[in-house]
Amino acid sequence: MPVTMGHESGVNCMAMVDDRIYSGGRDNQIFAWRGQPAQGGFELQPDAAPISLASSIMSLCYEPASKWLFCGLWSGEIQAFCKDPVQEDRLTGHRRSVGAIAVHSSVVISGSHDGTVRLWTMDPQTRRFRCHGQPLENPSGPVACLKVLGDGLWVGGQNGLTCFDLNTLQARGTIPSVHQVTRLVECQGYMVATFRNGDCKIYDAAGNEVFNRPSRGEHQSNTAVEIMVHPVTNKPLLLCGQQAGYITAYDLPEFRPRGSWVCKQNSDVKAILDAKCNGMFVTAGAHGDIREPGSGTSRTFPRSARTSLAWRWTAPPHLQPPRAARAEGRCRRRRRGRGSPRPTLAAGRACPPPGGVF
């Protein structure tokens, strides 16, 4: 691949769009990538000319049923593209960057750094999206992430977690936090929340905290997160991207550290994406790198200065954690503190606190 191809600045987000990977960056461009076999490994090749937008792309969300791709921009707008039929739309209303977008029951949900959540529905006559009702003011401040769990909309903000009832659109409650909630992912009916300082917490649907792994060792930040299924053990894996290019992997539900490595030195991991192909996942960094790591051993595949590397899990579960891409990083085993039992989701589920925050 020519070294001139790819993003010219940091990559903020990625999304699977059918059989392609789309990436959005600070350079105001969206790239489409297709995986191709390459000598010694696997390579992502640009699939089409990049799409240039008016502002940095902060979030991407693709809705397969409707074929709409929603792009949250730094300017506060949402640029939308439909593949079939080919159509574009622009959703305006947010005053600051849109860092989180989700689609639930044909309703587009967006969260912004202006501290609001907006719901968008399509007008069947004009086939244009319009804001539904008044924006929801988020009690936990500027919105960094959101996720639907059951009939609740979980919103991670600067000052904690808030859950809105999707039936009444009223806030059920807020879990305050000193540290910003950076990502939310759902796993087996639980909500996994990661925090800026490196904390990881798991809540049941009622908002009860059933697990808390405080930041420790080298895991002192959370900038990206993904859950995928290990192709050998068929158990969920939690991948936590961090500052300086680190990723740490945990086996769920035990929350057992599997290992950690560096994707690209000093390039904060901004996005992790399950490629849903033979245990592969892709990472994107603040230096404009998009990478593909491995498991039992990790290989650095050919890439351009601004493209990507993917990783594949292959090692049996009893082997050591993944080694780093040796040219750029180190692999270090995360060790739990001595004298404390290892909590599991199952243990938390069996005896949750009475009542519930939400």
Protein backbone atom coordinates (compact mmCIF):
# COMPACT_ATOMS: atom_id res chain seq x y z
CA MET A 1 0.00 0.00 0.00
CA PRO A 2 1.38 3.45 -0.82
CA VAL A 3 2.44 5.25 2.34
CA THR A 4 0.42 8.31 1.29
CA MET A 5 -2.87 6.48 1.80
CA GLY A 6 -4.83 6.75 5.02
CA HIS A 7 -5.68 9.32 7.65
CA GLU A 8 -3.53 12.41 7.99
CA SER A 9 -4.27 12.76 11.70
CA GLY A 10 -5.71 10.82 14.64
CA VAL A 11 -8.48 8.26 14.19
CA ASN A 12 -11.39 8.82 16.59
CA CYS A 13 -13.82 5.99 15.77
CA MET A 14 -14.56 2.91 13.66
CA ALA A 15 -17.62 0.93 12.62
CA MET A 16 -18.40 -2.26 10.71
CA VAL A 17 -20.43 -1.41 7.59
CA ASP A 18 -21.47 -4.74 6.12
CA ASP A 19 -18.15 -6.38 5.15
CA ARG A 20 -16.04 -3.23 5.39
CA ILE A 21 -14.46 -1.24 8.17
CA TYR A 22 -15.12 2.50 8.23
CA SER A 23 -12.87 4.85 10.18
CA GLY A 24 -13.43 8.50 11.05
CA GLY A 25 -10.66 10.88 11.97
CA ARG A 26 -9.60 14.31 13.08
CA ASP A 27 -8.68 15.05 9.47
CA ASN A 28 -12.43 15.36 8.64
CA GLN A 29 -12.31 12.20 6.53
CA ILE A 30 -14.05 8.83 6.53
CA PHE A 31 -12.13 5.91 5.03
CA ALA A 32 -13.59 2.56 3.96
CA TRP A 33 -11.27 -0.44 4.34
CA ARG A 34 -11.45 -3.99 3.06
CA GLY A 35 -9.32 -6.83 4.39
CA GLN A 36 -6.90 -8.46 1.97
CA PRO A 37 -4.39 -11.28 2.44
CA ALA A 38 -0.82 -9.99 2.36
CA GLN A 39 2.65 -11.48 2.50
CA GLY A 40 3.19 -12.65 6.05
CA GLY A 41 -0.26 -11.68 7.24
CA PHE A 42 -3.29 -9.53 6.62
CA GLU A 43 -3.68 -5.99 5.39
CA LEU A 44 -6.45 -3.41 5.24
CA GLN A 45 -6.70 -1.74 1.85
CA PRO A 46 -8.70 1.43 1.05
CA ASP A 47 -11.89 0.31 -0.67
CA ALA A 48 -12.97 3.68 -2.08
CA ALA A 49 -12.02 7.32 -2.12
CA PRO A 50 -12.34 8.93 1.32
CA ILE A 51 -15.40 11.01 2.19
CA SER A 52 -14.54 14.53 3.30
CA LEU A 53 -16.83 16.23 5.80
CA ALA A 54 -16.94 19.72 7.28
CA SER A 55 -15.63 18.73 10.70
CA SER A 56 -13.75 16.02 12.60
CA ILE A 57 -15.64 12.74 12.91
CA MET A 58 -16.14 11.89 16.58
CA SER A 59 -18.46 8.87 16.36
CA LEU A 60 -19.81 6.38 13.82
CA CYS A 61 -22.92 4.21 13.99
CA TYR A 62 -24.23 1.93 11.23
CA GLU A 63 -27.77 0.54 11.24
CA PRO A 64 -27.75 -2.59 9.02
CA ALA A 65 -31.53 -2.89 8.68
CA SER A 66 -32.00 0.59 7.21
CA LYS A 67 -28.51 0.89 5.64
CA TRP A 68 -27.95 4.29 7.31
CA LEU A 69 -24.52 5.37 8.51
CA PHE A 70 -24.55 8.17 11.11
CA CYS A 71 -21.45 10.31 11.64
CA GLY A 72 -21.24 12.46 14.76
CA LEU A 73 -19.16 15.56 14.09
CA TRP A 74 -17.10 17.87 16.26
CA SER A 75 -19.27 20.78 15.11
CA GLY A 76 -22.38 19.24 16.69
CA GLU A 77 -23.99 18.09 13.45
CA ILE A 78 -24.74 14.50 12.48
CA GLN A 79 -24.09 13.63 8.84
CA ALA A 80 -26.08 10.63 7.65
CA PHE A 81 -25.61 8.48 4.54
CA CYS A 82 -27.94 5.77 3.26
CA LYS A 83 -26.59 3.03 0.98
CA ASP A 84 -29.92 1.80 -0.41
CA PRO A 85 -31.51 3.93 -1.66
CA VAL A 86 -28.58 6.36 -1.93
CA GLN A 87 -29.45 9.38 0.16
CA GLU A 88 -27.90 11.90 2.54
CA ASP A 89 -29.24 13.90 5.45
CA ARG A 90 -27.90 16.33 8.03
CA LEU A 91 -29.22 16.33 11.60
CA THR A 92 -28.72 19.67 13.33
CA GLY A 93 -29.48 20.64 16.91
CA HIS A 94 -26.50 19.80 19.11
CA ARG A 95 -24.26 22.75 19.95
CA ARG A 96 -21.06 20.77 20.61
CA SER A 97 -19.35 17.60 19.45
CA VAL A 98 -21.45 14.44 19.08
CA GLY A 99 -19.42 11.66 20.66
CA ALA A 100 -22.05 8.92 20.94
CA ILE A 101 -24.75 7.60 18.59
CA ALA A 102 -26.99 4.53 18.86
CA VAL A 103 -30.07 3.25 17.04
CA HIS A 104 -32.91 1.60 18.96
CA SER A 105 -36.25 0.59 17.45
CA SER A 106 -35.63 2.82 14.40
CA VAL A 107 -34.96 5.81 16.67
CA VAL A 108 -31.55 7.47 16.39
CA ILE A 109 -30.15 8.48 19.79
CA SER A 110 -27.29 10.96 19.99
CA GLY A 111 -25.28 12.26 22.92
CA SER A 112 -23.25 15.43 22.83
CA HIS A 113 -20.65 17.33 24.78
CA ASP A 114 -23.33 20.02 25.22
CA GLY A 115 -24.80 17.78 27.92
CA THR A 116 -27.93 16.72 26.02
CA VAL A 117 -29.33 13.57 24.47
CA ARG A 118 -31.53 13.90 21.40
CA LEU A 119 -33.88 11.41 19.76
CA TRP A 120 -34.37 11.48 15.99
CA THR A 121 -37.09 9.83 13.91
CA MET A 122 -37.58 9.73 10.17
CA ASP A 123 -40.46 11.57 8.54
CA PRO A 124 -41.92 8.92 6.19
CA GLN A 125 -43.08 11.55 3.71
CA THR A 126 -39.88 13.56 3.36
CA ARG A 127 -37.51 10.73 4.36
CA ARG A 128 -35.65 13.23 6.51
CA PHE A 129 -34.75 12.87 10.17
CA ARG A 130 -36.18 15.32 12.66
CA CYS A 131 -35.67 15.74 16.38
CA HIS A 132 -38.35 14.02 18.44
CA GLY A 133 -39.54 16.19 21.32
CA GLN A 134 -37.23 18.22 23.49
CA PRO A 135 -33.60 17.26 24.13
CA LEU A 136 -32.94 15.35 27.35
CA GLU A 137 -30.68 17.22 29.76
CA ASN A 138 -28.13 14.77 31.12
CA PRO A 139 -27.69 15.16 34.92
CA SER A 140 -24.21 13.62 34.68
CA GLY A 141 -22.91 16.34 32.36
CA PRO A 142 -21.33 16.26 28.88
CA VAL A 143 -22.07 12.94 27.19
CA ALA A 144 -19.21 10.61 26.30
CA CYS A 145 -21.13 7.37 25.60
CA LEU A 146 -24.58 5.81 25.66
CA LYS A 147 -26.04 2.33 25.43
CA VAL A 148 -29.52 0.77 25.61
CA LEU A 149 -30.10 -2.04 28.13
CA GLY A 150 -33.65 -3.37 28.31
CA ASP A 151 -36.01 -0.41 28.56
CA GLY A 152 -33.31 1.88 29.92
CA LEU A 153 -30.98 4.28 28.13
CA TRP A 154 -27.65 4.43 29.95
CA VAL A 155 -25.70 7.64 29.44
CA GLY A 156 -22.09 8.02 30.54
CA GLY A 157 -21.04 11.57 31.25
CA GLN A 158 -18.36 13.74 32.73
CA ASN A 159 -19.71 13.29 36.26
CA GLY A 160 -21.15 9.79 36.30
CA LEU A 161 -23.86 7.51 34.90
CA THR A 162 -27.50 8.37 34.27
CA CYS A 163 -30.27 6.00 33.19
CA PHE A 164 -33.33 7.30 31.30
CA ASP A 165 -36.57 5.35 31.03
CA LEU A 166 -37.22 4.83 27.32
CA ASN A 167 -40.97 4.74 27.90
CA THR A 168 -41.28 8.02 29.81
CA LEU A 169 -37.95 9.65 28.80
CA GLN A 170 -37.47 10.58 32.45
CA ALA A 171 -34.22 10.05 34.35
CA ARG A 172 -34.49 7.04 36.67
CA GLY A 173 -31.40 7.95 38.63
CA THR A 174 -27.74 8.93 38.49
CA ILE A 175 -24.63 7.21 39.80
CA PRO A 176 -22.15 10.02 40.50
CA SER A 177 -18.47 9.59 39.74
CA VAL A 178 -15.38 11.71 40.22
CA HIS A 179 -13.98 10.32 36.97
CA GLN A 180 -15.53 10.56 33.52
CA VAL A 181 -17.29 7.50 32.13
CA THR A 182 -15.48 6.80 28.86
CA ARG A 183 -17.31 3.77 27.41
CA LEU A 184 -20.34 1.54 27.99
CA VAL A 185 -20.73 -2.01 26.65
CA GLU A 186 -23.42 -4.60 27.37
CA CYS A 187 -22.51 -8.19 28.25
CA GLN A 188 -24.96 -10.95 29.18
CA GLY A 189 -27.55 -8.55 30.54
CA TYR A 190 -25.03 -6.47 32.49
CA MET A 191 -23.56 -3.07 31.74
CA VAL A 192 -19.79 -2.68 31.75
CA ALA A 193 -18.60 0.88 32.35
CA THR A 194 -15.03 2.06 31.99
CA PHE A 195 -13.72 5.25 33.56
CA ARG A 196 -11.06 7.73 32.55
CA ASN A 197 -8.76 6.84 35.47
CA GLY A 198 -8.68 3.11 34.61
CA ASP A 199 -11.53 1.85 36.79
CA CYS A 200 -13.85 -0.83 35.36
CA LYS A 201 -17.26 -1.43 36.94
CA ILE A 202 -20.13 -3.77 36.13
CA TYR A 203 -23.78 -3.04 36.93
CA ASP A 204 -26.94 -5.08 36.72
CA ALA A 205 -30.00 -3.74 34.91
CA ALA A 206 -31.23 -2.05 38.10
CA GLY A 207 -28.02 -0.06 38.49
CA ASN A 208 -26.53 -2.15 41.29
CA GLU A 209 -22.75 -2.38 41.19
CA VAL A 210 -21.86 -6.08 41.11
CA PHE A 211 -18.17 -5.76 40.31
CA ASN A 212 -15.48 -3.11 40.65
CA ARG A 213 -11.92 -3.40 39.39
CA PRO A 214 -10.08 -0.23 40.43
CA SER A 215 -7.18 1.05 38.37
CA ARG A 216 -3.94 -0.68 39.27
CA GLY A 217 -0.51 -1.39 37.88
CA GLU A 218 -0.17 -0.10 34.35
CA HIS A 219 -3.93 0.01 33.75
CA GLN A 220 -4.38 3.66 34.73
CA SER A 221 -6.66 4.87 31.94
CA ASN A 222 -9.50 3.80 29.63
CA THR A 223 -9.83 5.38 26.21
CA ALA A 224 -11.59 2.61 24.24
CA VAL A 225 -13.33 -0.68 24.92
CA GLU A 226 -14.73 -3.66 23.03
CA ILE A 227 -16.26 -7.02 23.92
CA MET A 228 -15.73 -9.98 21.62
CA VAL A 229 -15.86 -13.78 21.83
CA HIS A 230 -12.59 -15.69 21.96
CA PRO A 231 -12.60 -18.11 18.98
CA VAL A 232 -11.03 -20.95 21.02
CA THR A 233 -12.72 -20.71 24.43
CA ASN A 234 -16.01 -19.23 23.11
CA LYS A 235 -16.05 -16.96 26.14
CA PRO A 236 -16.37 -13.17 26.12
CA LEU A 237 -13.25 -11.03 26.22
CA LEU A 238 -13.09 -7.43 27.40
CA LEU A 239 -10.51 -5.33 25.57
CA CYS A 240 -9.56 -2.06 27.27
CA GLY A 241 -7.63 0.49 25.21
CA GLN A 242 -5.52 2.95 27.13
CA GLN A 243 -3.24 5.92 26.80
CA ALA A 244 0.25 5.49 25.30
CA GLY A 245 -0.99 2.67 23.05
CA TYR A 246 -1.68 -0.05 25.63
CA ILE A 247 -4.44 -2.66 25.45
CA THR A 248 -5.32 -5.04 28.28
CA ALA A 249 -7.52 -8.11 27.72
CA TYR A 250 -9.69 -9.73 30.40
CA ASP A 251 -11.55 -13.03 30.39
CA LEU A 252 -15.20 -12.66 31.37
CA PRO A 253 -17.04 -13.41 33.56
CA GLU A 254 -14.04 -13.98 35.86
CA PHE A 255 -12.42 -10.67 34.87
CA ARG A 256 -9.11 -12.52 34.75
CA PRO A 257 -6.29 -10.58 33.06
CA ARG A 258 -5.21 -12.39 29.91
CA GLY A 259 -2.39 -10.02 29.02
CA SER A 260 -1.45 -6.61 27.71
CA TRP A 261 0.62 -5.15 24.90
CA VAL A 262 1.41 -1.93 23.07
CA CYS A 263 -0.18 -1.31 19.68
CA LYS A 264 1.86 1.77 18.78
CA GLN A 265 4.11 3.50 21.26
CA ASN A 266 2.61 6.71 22.69
CA SER A 267 -0.44 6.56 20.41
CA ASP A 268 -3.54 6.58 22.63
CA VAL A 269 -5.96 3.83 21.61
CA LYS A 270 -9.07 5.67 20.43
CA ALA A 271 -11.16 2.78 19.11
CA ILE A 272 -11.27 -1.04 19.15
CA LEU A 273 -13.50 -2.93 16.72
CA ASP A 274 -14.42 -6.61 16.61
CA ALA A 275 -14.04 -7.54 12.93
CA LYS A 276 -16.25 -10.61 13.49
CA CYS A 277 -13.92 -12.71 11.36
CA ASN A 278 -11.91 -15.58 12.86
CA GLY A 279 -11.22 -13.79 16.13
CA MET A 280 -9.80 -10.64 14.54
CA PHE A 281 -10.11 -7.18 15.99
CA VAL A 282 -8.82 -3.82 14.81
CA THR A 283 -7.45 -0.90 16.83
CA ALA A 284 -7.11 2.77 15.94
CA GLY A 285 -4.85 5.32 17.55
CA ALA A 286 -4.32 9.02 18.10
CA HIS A 287 -1.37 9.01 15.69
CA GLY A 288 -3.63 8.02 12.80
CA ASP A 289 -2.67 4.35 13.02
CA ILE A 290 -5.21 1.57 12.54
CA ARG A 291 -3.83 -1.78 13.61
CA GLU A 292 -4.64 -5.49 13.66
CA PRO A 293 -3.16 -7.38 16.67
CA GLY A 294 -2.92 -11.17 17.29
CA SER A 295 -3.25 -13.52 20.19
CA GLY A 296 -0.83 -16.27 21.08
CA THR A 297 1.76 -14.29 19.19
CA SER A 298 1.08 -10.92 17.64
CA ARG A 299 2.44 -9.93 14.27
CA THR A 300 2.88 -6.48 12.80
CA PHE A 301 1.46 -6.65 9.31
CA PRO A 302 2.33 -4.25 6.48
CA ARG A 303 0.65 -0.89 6.82
CA SER A 304 0.90 2.65 5.57
CA ALA A 305 1.86 5.56 7.78
CA ARG A 306 -1.81 6.19 8.45
CA THR A 307 -3.50 2.83 8.10
CA SER A 308 -4.22 -0.22 10.09
CA LEU A 309 -3.19 -3.33 11.90
CA ALA A 310 -5.54 -6.14 12.96
CA TRP A 311 -5.10 -8.81 15.58
CA ARG A 312 -6.30 -12.41 15.81
CA TRP A 313 -6.79 -14.55 18.92
CA THR A 314 -5.44 -18.07 18.38
CA ALA A 315 -3.66 -19.25 21.54
CA PRO A 316 -5.21 -21.99 23.70
CA PRO A 317 -6.45 -20.61 27.03
CA HIS A 318 -3.69 -22.22 29.12
CA LEU A 319 -0.90 -20.42 27.27
CA GLN A 320 0.72 -17.18 28.33
CA PRO A 321 -0.99 -13.90 27.43
CA PRO A 322 -0.35 -12.33 24.03
CA ARG A 323 3.14 -11.05 23.36
CA ALA A 324 3.42 -7.53 22.11
CA ALA A 325 4.10 -6.57 18.57
CA ARG A 326 7.76 -6.78 19.48
CA ALA A 327 9.05 -4.04 17.27
CA GLU A 328 6.98 -1.47 19.11
CA GLY A 329 5.94 -2.62 22.53
CA ARG A 330 6.17 -4.85 25.52
CA CYS A 331 3.85 -7.47 26.91
CA ARG A 332 3.30 -7.45 30.66
CA ARG A 333 1.15 -9.71 32.70
CA ARG A 334 -1.34 -7.86 34.89
CA ARG A 335 -1.19 -9.21 38.44
CA ARG A 336 -3.97 -9.02 40.96
CA GLY A 337 -3.27 -7.84 44.48
CA ARG A 338 -2.69 -10.63 46.95
CA GLY A 339 -5.07 -11.53 49.72
CA SER A 340 -8.31 -10.67 47.90
CA PRO A 341 -10.70 -13.20 46.33
CA ARG A 342 -11.29 -12.99 42.60
CA PRO A 343 -14.85 -11.70 42.06
CA THR A 344 -16.95 -12.96 39.17
CA LEU A 345 -20.13 -11.83 37.48
CA ALA A 346 -21.82 -15.00 38.65
CA ALA A 347 -21.04 -14.15 42.26
CA GLY A 348 -22.33 -10.66 41.80
CA ARG A 349 -25.51 -11.89 40.17
CA ALA A 350 -26.29 -14.29 43.00
CA CYS A 351 -26.37 -11.67 45.72
CA PRO A 352 -26.93 -8.15 44.35
CA PRO A 353 -27.61 -5.33 46.81
CA PRO A 354 -31.29 -4.86 47.66
CA GLY A 355 -33.35 -2.46 45.55
CA GLY A 356 -31.58 -0.66 42.76
CA VAL A 357 -30.32 2.75 41.71
CA PHE A 358 -32.32 2.63 38.47
